[in-house]
Amino acid sequence: MLVVFAVWTVAFVVGSGPVAQLLGADLQTSGEVAYIEDWLPWTAVTALWVLPLLVGVALGVVARRRGCGTIAWVGIGMNLAVMAAVVAPATIDRLVNL
């Protein structure tokens, strides 16, 4: 799991700038993404940020459909809880600071 986290962190850092720029966000001269003001680039970068959690929810749903029972619900719930804990503060910050 640690390897997956490390690989995804690198993928997010490398991919978030081009995704945000493709959707109209400005990049700083260092190549870093500035605070993204438009909703579309912000939503895309946030979705990219939580993509592993979305995949975890999808795999939990597949496991549940294949009859894995309670453990599938635990996986779904844990992924949704982490996603809510990550996305909710970012969304609140965005709504307050715009």
PDB file of N, CA and C in Angstrom:
ATOM      1  N   MET A   1       0.813  -1.188   0.000  1.00  0.00           N
ATOM      2  CA  MET A   1       0.000   0.000   0.000  1.00  0.00           C
ATOM      3  C   MET A   1       0.862   1.260   0.000  1.00  0.00           C
ATOM      4  N   LEU A   2       1.978   1.206   0.710  1.00  0.00           N
ATOM      5  CA  LEU A   2       2.871   2.356   0.754  1.00  0.00           C
ATOM      6  C   LEU A   2       3.446   2.657  -0.623  1.00  0.00           C
ATOM      7  N   VAL A   3       3.754   1.630  -1.372  1.00  0.00           N
ATOM      8  CA  VAL A   3       4.275   1.823  -2.735  1.00  0.00           C
ATOM      9  C   VAL A   3       3.216   2.468  -3.614  1.00  0.00           C
ATOM     10  N   VAL A   4       1.965   2.005  -3.500  1.00  0.00           N
ATOM     11  CA  VAL A   4       0.875   2.594  -4.284  1.00  0.00           C
ATOM     12  C   VAL A   4       0.707   4.060  -3.922  1.00  0.00           C
ATOM     13  N   PHE A   5       0.766   4.370  -2.632  1.00  0.00           N
ATOM     14  CA  PHE A   5       0.646   5.756  -2.200  1.00  0.00           C
ATOM     15  C   PHE A   5       1.777   6.608  -2.776  1.00  0.00           C
ATOM     16  N   ALA A   6       2.978   6.100  -2.730  1.00  0.00           N
ATOM     17  CA  ALA A   6       4.129   6.843  -3.254  1.00  0.00           C
ATOM     18  C   ALA A   6       4.001   7.075  -4.758  1.00  0.00           C
ATOM     19  N   VAL A   7       3.620   6.046  -5.478  1.00  0.00           N
ATOM     20  CA  VAL A   7       3.464   6.176  -6.933  1.00  0.00           C
ATOM     21  C   VAL A   7       2.347   7.163  -7.258  1.00  0.00           C
ATOM     22  N   TRP A   8       1.236   7.070  -6.533  1.00  0.00           N
ATOM     23  CA  TRP A   8       0.125   7.978  -6.814  1.00  0.00           C
ATOM     24  C   TRP A   8       0.484   9.416  -6.456  1.00  0.00           C
ATOM     25  N   THR A   9       1.253   9.622  -5.404  1.00  0.00           N
ATOM     26  CA  THR A   9       1.676  10.971  -5.045  1.00  0.00           C
ATOM     27  C   THR A   9       2.510  11.579  -6.163  1.00  0.00           C
ATOM     28  N   VAL A  10       3.434  10.817  -6.683  1.00  0.00           N
ATOM     29  CA  VAL A  10       4.249  11.299  -7.803  1.00  0.00           C
ATOM     30  C   VAL A  10       3.368  11.575  -9.024  1.00  0.00           C
ATOM     31  N   ALA A  11       2.452  10.677  -9.322  1.00  0.00           N
ATOM     32  CA  ALA A  11       1.554  10.864 -10.466  1.00  0.00           C
ATOM     33  C   ALA A  11       0.694  12.113 -10.288  1.00  0.00           C
ATOM     34  N   PHE A  12       0.212  12.350  -9.079  1.00  0.00           N
ATOM     35  CA  PHE A  12      -0.606  13.532  -8.836  1.00  0.00           C
ATOM     36  C   PHE A  12       0.212  14.810  -8.986  1.00  0.00           C
ATOM     37  N   VAL A  13       1.402  14.821  -8.421  1.00  0.00           N
ATOM     38  CA  VAL A  13       2.251  16.014  -8.500  1.00  0.00           C
ATOM     39  C   VAL A  13       2.601  16.312  -9.956  1.00  0.00           C
ATOM     40  N   VAL A  14       2.914  15.290 -10.711  1.00  0.00           N
ATOM     41  CA  VAL A  14       3.280  15.481 -12.123  1.00  0.00           C
ATOM     42  C   VAL A  14       2.053  15.821 -12.967  1.00  0.00           C
ATOM     43  N   GLY A  15       0.921  15.193 -12.681  1.00  0.00           N
ATOM     44  CA  GLY A  15      -0.257  15.345 -13.529  1.00  0.00           C
ATOM     45  C   GLY A  15      -1.170  16.501 -13.209  1.00  0.00           C
ATOM     46  N   SER A  16      -1.141  17.013 -11.980  1.00  0.00           N
ATOM     47  CA  SER A  16      -2.097  18.055 -11.616  1.00  0.00           C
ATOM     48  C   SER A  16      -1.847  19.369 -12.359  1.00  0.00           C
ATOM     49  N   GLY A  17      -0.596  19.719 -12.565  1.00  0.00           N
ATOM     50  CA  GLY A  17      -0.289  20.943 -13.294  1.00  0.00           C
ATOM     51  C   GLY A  17      -0.804  20.937 -14.721  1.00  0.00           C
ATOM     52  N   PRO A  18      -0.461  19.906 -15.510  1.00  0.00           N
ATOM     53  CA  PRO A  18      -0.971  19.864 -16.870  1.00  0.00           C
ATOM     54  C   PRO A  18      -2.501  19.785 -16.954  1.00  0.00           C
ATOM     55  N   VAL A  19      -3.128  19.065 -16.036  1.00  0.00           N
ATOM     56  CA  VAL A  19      -4.597  18.977 -16.041  1.00  0.00           C
ATOM     57  C   VAL A  19      -5.194  20.346 -15.766  1.00  0.00           C
ATOM     58  N   ALA A  20      -4.673  21.037 -14.747  1.00  0.00           N
ATOM     59  CA  ALA A  20      -5.188  22.366 -14.426  1.00  0.00           C
ATOM     60  C   ALA A  20      -4.939  23.350 -15.566  1.00  0.00           C
ATOM     61  N   GLN A  21      -3.772  23.271 -16.172  1.00  0.00           N
ATOM     62  CA  GLN A  21      -3.453  24.177 -17.273  1.00  0.00           C
ATOM     63  C   GLN A  21      -4.322  23.875 -18.498  1.00  0.00           C
ATOM     64  N   LEU A  22      -4.562  22.613 -18.754  1.00  0.00           N
ATOM     65  CA  LEU A  22      -5.417  22.219 -19.882  1.00  0.00           C
ATOM     66  C   LEU A  22      -6.822  22.792 -19.732  1.00  0.00           C
ATOM     67  N   LEU A  23      -7.281  22.901 -18.496  1.00  0.00           N
ATOM     68  CA  LEU A  23      -8.623  23.399 -18.239  1.00  0.00           C
ATOM     69  C   LEU A  23      -8.664  24.887 -17.936  1.00  0.00           C
ATOM     70  N   GLY A  24      -7.545  25.587 -18.146  1.00  0.00           N
ATOM     71  CA  GLY A  24      -7.552  27.036 -18.085  1.00  0.00           C
ATOM     72  C   GLY A  24      -6.913  27.676 -16.874  1.00  0.00           C
ATOM     73  N   ALA A  25      -6.344  26.934 -15.959  1.00  0.00           N
ATOM     74  CA  ALA A  25      -5.690  27.533 -14.796  1.00  0.00           C
ATOM     75  C   ALA A  25      -4.302  28.023 -15.177  1.00  0.00           C
ATOM     76  N   ASP A  26      -3.859  29.062 -14.495  1.00  0.00           N
ATOM     77  CA  ASP A  26      -2.520  29.605 -14.740  1.00  0.00           C
ATOM     78  C   ASP A  26      -1.488  28.871 -13.906  1.00  0.00           C
ATOM     79  N   LEU A  27      -0.297  28.690 -14.466  1.00  0.00           N
ATOM     80  CA  LEU A  27       0.816  28.108 -13.729  1.00  0.00           C
ATOM     81  C   LEU A  27       1.792  29.205 -13.343  1.00  0.00           C
ATOM     82  N   GLN A  28       2.442  29.029 -12.208  1.00  0.00           N
ATOM     83  CA  GLN A  28       3.481  29.957 -11.804  1.00  0.00           C
ATOM     84  C   GLN A  28       4.720  29.681 -12.648  1.00  0.00           C
ATOM     85  N   THR A  29       5.682  30.577 -12.604  1.00  0.00           N
ATOM     86  CA  THR A  29       6.885  30.399 -13.422  1.00  0.00           C
ATOM     87  C   THR A  29       7.664  29.156 -13.013  1.00  0.00           C
ATOM     88  N   SER A  30       7.506  28.722 -11.764  1.00  0.00           N
ATOM     89  CA  SER A  30       8.206  27.518 -11.317  1.00  0.00           C
ATOM     90  C   SER A  30       7.528  26.246 -11.812  1.00  0.00           C
ATOM     91  N   GLY A  31       6.367  26.388 -12.440  1.00  0.00           N
ATOM     92  CA  GLY A  31       5.636  25.219 -12.928  1.00  0.00           C
ATOM     93  C   GLY A  31       4.614  24.713 -11.945  1.00  0.00           C
ATOM     94  N   GLU A  32       4.592  25.285 -10.738  1.00  0.00           N
ATOM     95  CA  GLU A  32       3.614  24.873  -9.743  1.00  0.00           C
ATOM     96  C   GLU A  32       2.257  25.488 -10.062  1.00  0.00           C
ATOM     97  N   VAL A  33       1.225  24.818  -9.604  1.00  0.00           N
ATOM     98  CA  VAL A  33      -0.122  25.325  -9.830  1.00  0.00           C
ATOM     99  C   VAL A  33      -0.418  26.391  -8.791  1.00  0.00           C
ATOM    100  N   ALA A  34      -0.825  27.566  -9.257  1.00  0.00           N
ATOM    101  CA  ALA A  34      -1.247  28.618  -8.346  1.00  0.00           C
ATOM    102  C   ALA A  34      -2.623  28.245  -7.789  1.00  0.00           C
ATOM    103  N   TYR A  35      -3.141  29.046  -6.879  1.00  0.00           N
ATOM    104  CA  TYR A  35      -4.488  28.786  -6.364  1.00  0.00           C
ATOM    105  C   TYR A  35      -5.446  28.798  -7.540  1.00  0.00           C
ATOM    106  N   ILE A  36      -6.174  27.738  -7.708  1.00  0.00           N
ATOM    107  CA  ILE A  36      -7.051  27.589  -8.863  1.00  0.00           C
ATOM    108  C   ILE A  36      -8.384  28.260  -8.547  1.00  0.00           C
ATOM    109  N   GLU A  37      -8.708  29.326  -9.272  1.00  0.00           N
ATOM    110  CA  GLU A  37      -9.928  30.073  -8.997  1.00  0.00           C
ATOM    111  C   GLU A  37     -11.139  29.510  -9.734  1.00  0.00           C
ATOM    112  N   ASP A  38     -10.967  29.037 -10.940  1.00  0.00           N
ATOM    113  CA  ASP A  38     -12.102  28.518 -11.704  1.00  0.00           C
ATOM    114  C   ASP A  38     -12.526  27.161 -11.167  1.00  0.00           C
ATOM    115  N   TRP A  39     -13.827  26.916 -11.240  1.00  0.00           N
ATOM    116  CA  TRP A  39     -14.364  25.677 -10.671  1.00  0.00           C
ATOM    117  C   TRP A  39     -13.991  24.438 -11.472  1.00  0.00           C
ATOM    118  N   LEU A  40     -13.975  24.514 -12.791  1.00  0.00           N
ATOM    119  CA  LEU A  40     -13.702  23.321 -13.603  1.00  0.00           C
ATOM    120  C   LEU A  40     -12.294  22.772 -13.369  1.00  0.00           C
ATOM    121  N   PRO A  41     -11.244  23.600 -13.451  1.00  0.00           N
ATOM    122  CA  PRO A  41      -9.914  23.047 -13.163  1.00  0.00           C
ATOM    123  C   PRO A  41      -9.790  22.557 -11.723  1.00  0.00           C
ATOM    124  N   TRP A  42     -10.398  23.268 -10.785  1.00  0.00           N
ATOM    125  CA  TRP A  42     -10.325  22.855  -9.385  1.00  0.00           C
ATOM    126  C   TRP A  42     -11.003  21.499  -9.185  1.00  0.00           C
ATOM    127  N   THR A  43     -12.160  21.307  -9.805  1.00  0.00           N
ATOM    128  CA  THR A  43     -12.875  20.035  -9.693  1.00  0.00           C
ATOM    129  C   THR A  43     -12.071  18.906 -10.316  1.00  0.00           C
ATOM    130  N   ALA A  44     -11.449  19.171 -11.468  1.00  0.00           N
ATOM    131  CA  ALA A  44     -10.657  18.133 -12.137  1.00  0.00           C
ATOM    132  C   ALA A  44      -9.440  17.744 -11.305  1.00  0.00           C
ATOM    133  N   VAL A  45      -8.741  18.727 -10.735  1.00  0.00           N
ATOM    134  CA  VAL A  45      -7.559  18.430  -9.915  1.00  0.00           C
ATOM    135  C   VAL A  45      -7.977  17.710  -8.634  1.00  0.00           C
ATOM    136  N   THR A  46      -9.100  18.100  -8.058  1.00  0.00           N
ATOM    137  CA  THR A  46      -9.598  17.421  -6.856  1.00  0.00           C
ATOM    138  C   THR A  46      -9.977  15.980  -7.171  1.00  0.00           C
ATOM    139  N   ALA A  47     -10.630  15.764  -8.312  1.00  0.00           N
ATOM    140  CA  ALA A  47     -10.976  14.394  -8.715  1.00  0.00           C
ATOM    141  C   ALA A  47      -9.720  13.564  -8.940  1.00  0.00           C
ATOM    142  N   LEU A  48      -8.707  14.172  -9.532  1.00  0.00           N
ATOM    143  CA  LEU A  48      -7.428  13.484  -9.719  1.00  0.00           C
ATOM    144  C   LEU A  48      -6.806  13.148  -8.361  1.00  0.00           C
ATOM    145  N   TRP A  49      -6.958  14.061  -7.408  1.00  0.00           N
ATOM    146  CA  TRP A  49      -6.413  13.890  -6.064  1.00  0.00           C
ATOM    147  C   TRP A  49      -7.047  12.703  -5.350  1.00  0.00           C
ATOM    148  N   VAL A  50      -8.355  12.522  -5.508  1.00  0.00           N
ATOM    149  CA  VAL A  50      -9.064  11.461  -4.789  1.00  0.00           C
ATOM    150  C   VAL A  50      -9.354  10.241  -5.660  1.00  0.00           C
ATOM    151  N   LEU A  51      -8.769  10.189  -6.833  1.00  0.00           N
ATOM    152  CA  LEU A  51      -9.006   9.060  -7.739  1.00  0.00           C
ATOM    153  C   LEU A  51      -8.744   7.696  -7.094  1.00  0.00           C
ATOM    154  N   PRO A  52      -7.677   7.524  -6.321  1.00  0.00           N
ATOM    155  CA  PRO A  52      -7.490   6.214  -5.677  1.00  0.00           C
ATOM    156  C   PRO A  52      -8.635   5.844  -4.732  1.00  0.00           C
ATOM    157  N   LEU A  53      -9.210   6.844  -4.077  1.00  0.00           N
ATOM    158  CA  LEU A  53     -10.341   6.565  -3.197  1.00  0.00           C
ATOM    159  C   LEU A  53     -11.581   6.201  -4.004  1.00  0.00           C
ATOM    160  N   LEU A  54     -11.781   6.862  -5.128  1.00  0.00           N
ATOM    161  CA  LEU A  54     -12.900   6.511  -6.006  1.00  0.00           C
ATOM    162  C   LEU A  54     -12.749   5.089  -6.539  1.00  0.00           C
ATOM    163  N   VAL A  55     -11.524   4.722  -6.882  1.00  0.00           N
ATOM    164  CA  VAL A  55     -11.256   3.350  -7.330  1.00  0.00           C
ATOM    165  C   VAL A  55     -11.530   2.370  -6.195  1.00  0.00           C
ATOM    166  N   GLY A  56     -11.166   2.733  -4.968  1.00  0.00           N
ATOM    167  CA  GLY A  56     -11.443   1.879  -3.815  1.00  0.00           C
ATOM    168  C   GLY A  56     -12.929   1.668  -3.599  1.00  0.00           C
ATOM    169  N   VAL A  57     -13.721   2.717  -3.771  1.00  0.00           N
ATOM    170  CA  VAL A  57     -15.180   2.583  -3.655  1.00  0.00           C
ATOM    171  C   VAL A  57     -15.706   1.662  -4.758  1.00  0.00           C
ATOM    172  N   ALA A  58     -15.225   1.860  -5.976  1.00  0.00           N
ATOM    173  CA  ALA A  58     -15.676   1.017  -7.090  1.00  0.00           C
ATOM    174  C   ALA A  58     -15.313  -0.446  -6.867  1.00  0.00           C
ATOM    175  N   LEU A  59     -14.105  -0.697  -6.383  1.00  0.00           N
ATOM    176  CA  LEU A  59     -13.704  -2.082  -6.103  1.00  0.00           C
ATOM    177  C   LEU A  59     -14.530  -2.674  -4.966  1.00  0.00           C
ATOM    178  N   GLY A  60     -14.893  -1.850  -3.990  1.00  0.00           N
ATOM    179  CA  GLY A  60     -15.762  -2.317  -2.920  1.00  0.00           C
ATOM    180  C   GLY A  60     -17.143  -2.687  -3.421  1.00  0.00           C
ATOM    181  N   VAL A  61     -17.663  -1.892  -4.347  1.00  0.00           N
ATOM    182  CA  VAL A  61     -18.971  -2.200  -4.943  1.00  0.00           C
ATOM    183  C   VAL A  61     -18.892  -3.502  -5.736  1.00  0.00           C
ATOM    184  N   VAL A  62     -17.835  -3.681  -6.488  1.00  0.00           N
ATOM    185  CA  VAL A  62     -17.653  -4.934  -7.237  1.00  0.00           C
ATOM    186  C   VAL A  62     -17.566  -6.115  -6.277  1.00  0.00           C
ATOM    187  N   ALA A  63     -16.806  -5.953  -5.201  1.00  0.00           N
ATOM    188  CA  ALA A  63     -16.683  -7.027  -4.209  1.00  0.00           C
ATOM    189  C   ALA A  63     -18.030  -7.343  -3.578  1.00  0.00           C
ATOM    190  N   ARG A  64     -18.804  -6.299  -3.291  1.00  0.00           N
ATOM    191  CA  ARG A  64     -20.129  -6.512  -2.696  1.00  0.00           C
ATOM    192  C   ARG A  64     -21.035  -7.273  -3.651  1.00  0.00           C
ATOM    193  N   ARG A  65     -20.993  -6.923  -4.927  1.00  0.00           N
ATOM    194  CA  ARG A  65     -21.825  -7.617  -5.918  1.00  0.00           C
ATOM    195  C   ARG A  65     -21.417  -9.071  -6.088  1.00  0.00           C
ATOM    196  N   ARG A  66     -20.146  -9.350  -5.827  1.00  0.00           N
ATOM    197  CA  ARG A  66     -19.661 -10.731  -5.955  1.00  0.00           C
ATOM    198  C   ARG A  66     -19.822 -11.517  -4.663  1.00  0.00           C
ATOM    199  N   GLY A  67     -20.487 -10.924  -3.677  1.00  0.00           N
ATOM    200  CA  GLY A  67     -20.838 -11.655  -2.483  1.00  0.00           C
ATOM    201  C   GLY A  67     -19.836 -11.632  -1.353  1.00  0.00           C
ATOM    202  N   CYS A  68     -18.990 -10.609  -1.279  1.00  0.00           N
ATOM    203  CA  CYS A  68     -17.979 -10.564  -0.224  1.00  0.00           C
ATOM    204  C   CYS A  68     -18.527 -10.098   1.120  1.00  0.00           C
ATOM    205  N   GLY A  69     -19.748  -9.645   1.175  1.00  0.00           N
ATOM    206  CA  GLY A  69     -20.406  -9.347   2.438  1.00  0.00           C
ATOM    207  C   GLY A  69     -19.891  -8.118   3.160  1.00  0.00           C
ATOM    208  N   THR A  70     -19.733  -8.279   4.470  1.00  0.00           N
ATOM    209  CA  THR A  70     -19.422  -7.156   5.351  1.00  0.00           C
ATOM    210  C   THR A  70     -18.090  -6.496   5.025  1.00  0.00           C
ATOM    211  N   ILE A  71     -17.103  -7.254   4.650  1.00  0.00           N
ATOM    212  CA  ILE A  71     -15.792  -6.675   4.384  1.00  0.00           C
ATOM    213  C   ILE A  71     -15.847  -5.698   3.205  1.00  0.00           C
ATOM    214  N   ALA A  72     -16.721  -5.961   2.246  1.00  0.00           N
ATOM    215  CA  ALA A  72     -16.886  -5.035   1.129  1.00  0.00           C
ATOM    216  C   ALA A  72     -17.480  -3.714   1.623  1.00  0.00           C
ATOM    217  N   TRP A  73     -18.460  -3.807   2.528  1.00  0.00           N
ATOM    218  CA  TRP A  73     -19.052  -2.595   3.086  1.00  0.00           C
ATOM    219  C   TRP A  73     -18.028  -1.804   3.903  1.00  0.00           C
ATOM    220  N   VAL A  74     -17.155  -2.497   4.594  1.00  0.00           N
ATOM    221  CA  VAL A  74     -16.097  -1.824   5.365  1.00  0.00           C
ATOM    222  C   VAL A  74     -15.174  -1.060   4.413  1.00  0.00           C
ATOM    223  N   GLY A  75     -14.791  -1.689   3.321  1.00  0.00           N
ATOM    224  CA  GLY A  75     -13.935  -1.018   2.336  1.00  0.00           C
ATOM    225  C   GLY A  75     -14.607   0.196   1.719  1.00  0.00           C
ATOM    226  N   ILE A  76     -15.869   0.042   1.375  1.00  0.00           N
ATOM    227  CA  ILE A  76     -16.618   1.167   0.807  1.00  0.00           C
ATOM    228  C   ILE A  76     -16.701   2.301   1.824  1.00  0.00           C
ATOM    229  N   GLY A  77     -17.062   1.960   3.056  1.00  0.00           N
ATOM    230  CA  GLY A  77     -17.209   2.980   4.091  1.00  0.00           C
ATOM    231  C   GLY A  77     -15.908   3.695   4.415  1.00  0.00           C
ATOM    232  N   MET A  78     -14.821   2.945   4.487  1.00  0.00           N
ATOM    233  CA  MET A  78     -13.532   3.567   4.794  1.00  0.00           C
ATOM    234  C   MET A  78     -13.092   4.522   3.679  1.00  0.00           C
ATOM    235  N   ASN A  79     -13.256   4.092   2.438  1.00  0.00           N
ATOM    236  CA  ASN A  79     -12.879   4.966   1.320  1.00  0.00           C
ATOM    237  C   ASN A  79     -13.748   6.216   1.282  1.00  0.00           C
ATOM    238  N   LEU A  80     -15.048   6.071   1.521  1.00  0.00           N
ATOM    239  CA  LEU A  80     -15.935   7.232   1.530  1.00  0.00           C
ATOM    240  C   LEU A  80     -15.619   8.163   2.697  1.00  0.00           C
ATOM    241  N   ALA A  81     -15.284   7.603   3.863  1.00  0.00           N
ATOM    242  CA  ALA A  81     -14.957   8.432   5.024  1.00  0.00           C
ATOM    243  C   ALA A  81     -13.682   9.232   4.781  1.00  0.00           C
ATOM    244  N   VAL A  82     -12.661   8.586   4.237  1.00  0.00           N
ATOM    245  CA  VAL A  82     -11.409   9.306   3.953  1.00  0.00           C
ATOM    246  C   VAL A  82     -11.651  10.364   2.880  1.00  0.00           C
ATOM    247  N   MET A  83     -12.441  10.018   1.869  1.00  0.00           N
ATOM    248  CA  MET A  83     -12.723  10.981   0.812  1.00  0.00           C
ATOM    249  C   MET A  83     -13.471  12.190   1.381  1.00  0.00           C
ATOM    250  N   ALA A  84     -14.443  11.960   2.249  1.00  0.00           N
ATOM    251  CA  ALA A  84     -15.170  13.068   2.868  1.00  0.00           C
ATOM    252  C   ALA A  84     -14.243  13.912   3.737  1.00  0.00           C
ATOM    253  N   ALA A  85     -13.343  13.267   4.452  1.00  0.00           N
ATOM    254  CA  ALA A  85     -12.406  13.994   5.317  1.00  0.00           C
ATOM    255  C   ALA A  85     -11.410  14.820   4.511  1.00  0.00           C
ATOM    256  N   VAL A  86     -11.147  14.418   3.290  1.00  0.00           N
ATOM    257  CA  VAL A  86     -10.191  15.127   2.444  1.00  0.00           C
ATOM    258  C   VAL A  86     -10.885  16.217   1.627  1.00  0.00           C
ATOM    259  N   VAL A  87     -12.028  15.897   1.053  1.00  0.00           N
ATOM    260  CA  VAL A  87     -12.688  16.814   0.128  1.00  0.00           C
ATOM    261  C   VAL A  87     -13.505  17.883   0.857  1.00  0.00           C
ATOM    262  N   ALA A  88     -14.142  17.536   1.960  1.00  0.00           N
ATOM    263  CA  ALA A  88     -14.993  18.502   2.658  1.00  0.00           C
ATOM    264  C   ALA A  88     -14.219  19.740   3.117  1.00  0.00           C
ATOM    265  N   PRO A  89     -13.077  19.600   3.792  1.00  0.00           N
ATOM    266  CA  PRO A  89     -12.353  20.816   4.191  1.00  0.00           C
ATOM    267  C   PRO A  89     -11.875  21.642   2.993  1.00  0.00           C
ATOM    268  N   ALA A  90     -11.447  20.980   1.934  1.00  0.00           N
ATOM    269  CA  ALA A  90     -10.994  21.708   0.742  1.00  0.00           C
ATOM    270  C   ALA A  90     -12.152  22.471   0.106  1.00  0.00           C
ATOM    271  N   THR A  91     -13.323  21.862   0.086  1.00  0.00           N
ATOM    272  CA  THR A  91     -14.496  22.526  -0.490  1.00  0.00           C
ATOM    273  C   THR A  91     -14.931  23.694   0.386  1.00  0.00           C
ATOM    274  N   ILE A  92     -14.953  23.494   1.693  1.00  0.00           N
ATOM    275  CA  ILE A  92     -15.323  24.589   2.598  1.00  0.00           C
ATOM    276  C   ILE A  92     -14.342  25.743   2.475  1.00  0.00           C
ATOM    277  N   ASP A  93     -13.039  25.437   2.428  1.00  0.00           N
ATOM    278  CA  ASP A  93     -12.030  26.473   2.255  1.00  0.00           C
ATOM    279  C   ASP A  93     -12.255  27.228   0.957  1.00  0.00           C
ATOM    280  N   ARG A  94     -12.576  26.514  -0.067  1.00  0.00           N
ATOM    281  CA  ARG A  94     -12.804  27.136  -1.371  1.00  0.00           C
ATOM    282  C   ARG A  94     -14.010  28.059  -1.331  1.00  0.00           C
ATOM    283  N   LEU A  95     -15.095  27.612  -0.718  1.00  0.00           N
ATOM    284  CA  LEU A  95     -16.304  28.427  -0.654  1.00  0.00           C
ATOM    285  C   LEU A  95     -16.105  29.671   0.222  1.00  0.00           C
ATOM    286  N   VAL A  96     -15.322  29.551   1.280  1.00  0.00           N
ATOM    287  CA  VAL A  96     -15.089  30.668   2.175  1.00  0.00           C
ATOM    288  C   VAL A  96     -14.151  31.703   1.548  1.00  0.00           C
ATOM    289  N   ASN A  97     -13.158  31.252   0.805  1.00  0.00           N
ATOM    290  CA  ASN A  97     -12.122  32.150   0.295  1.00  0.00           C
ATOM    291  C   ASN A  97     -12.347  32.684  -1.105  1.00  0.00           C
ATOM    292  N   LEU A  98     -13.439  32.346  -1.731  1.00  0.00           N
ATOM    293  CA  LEU A  98     -13.658  32.879  -3.081  1.00  0.00           C
ATOM    294  C   LEU A  98     -14.221  34.254  -3.046  1.00  0.00           C
TER     295      LEU A  98
END
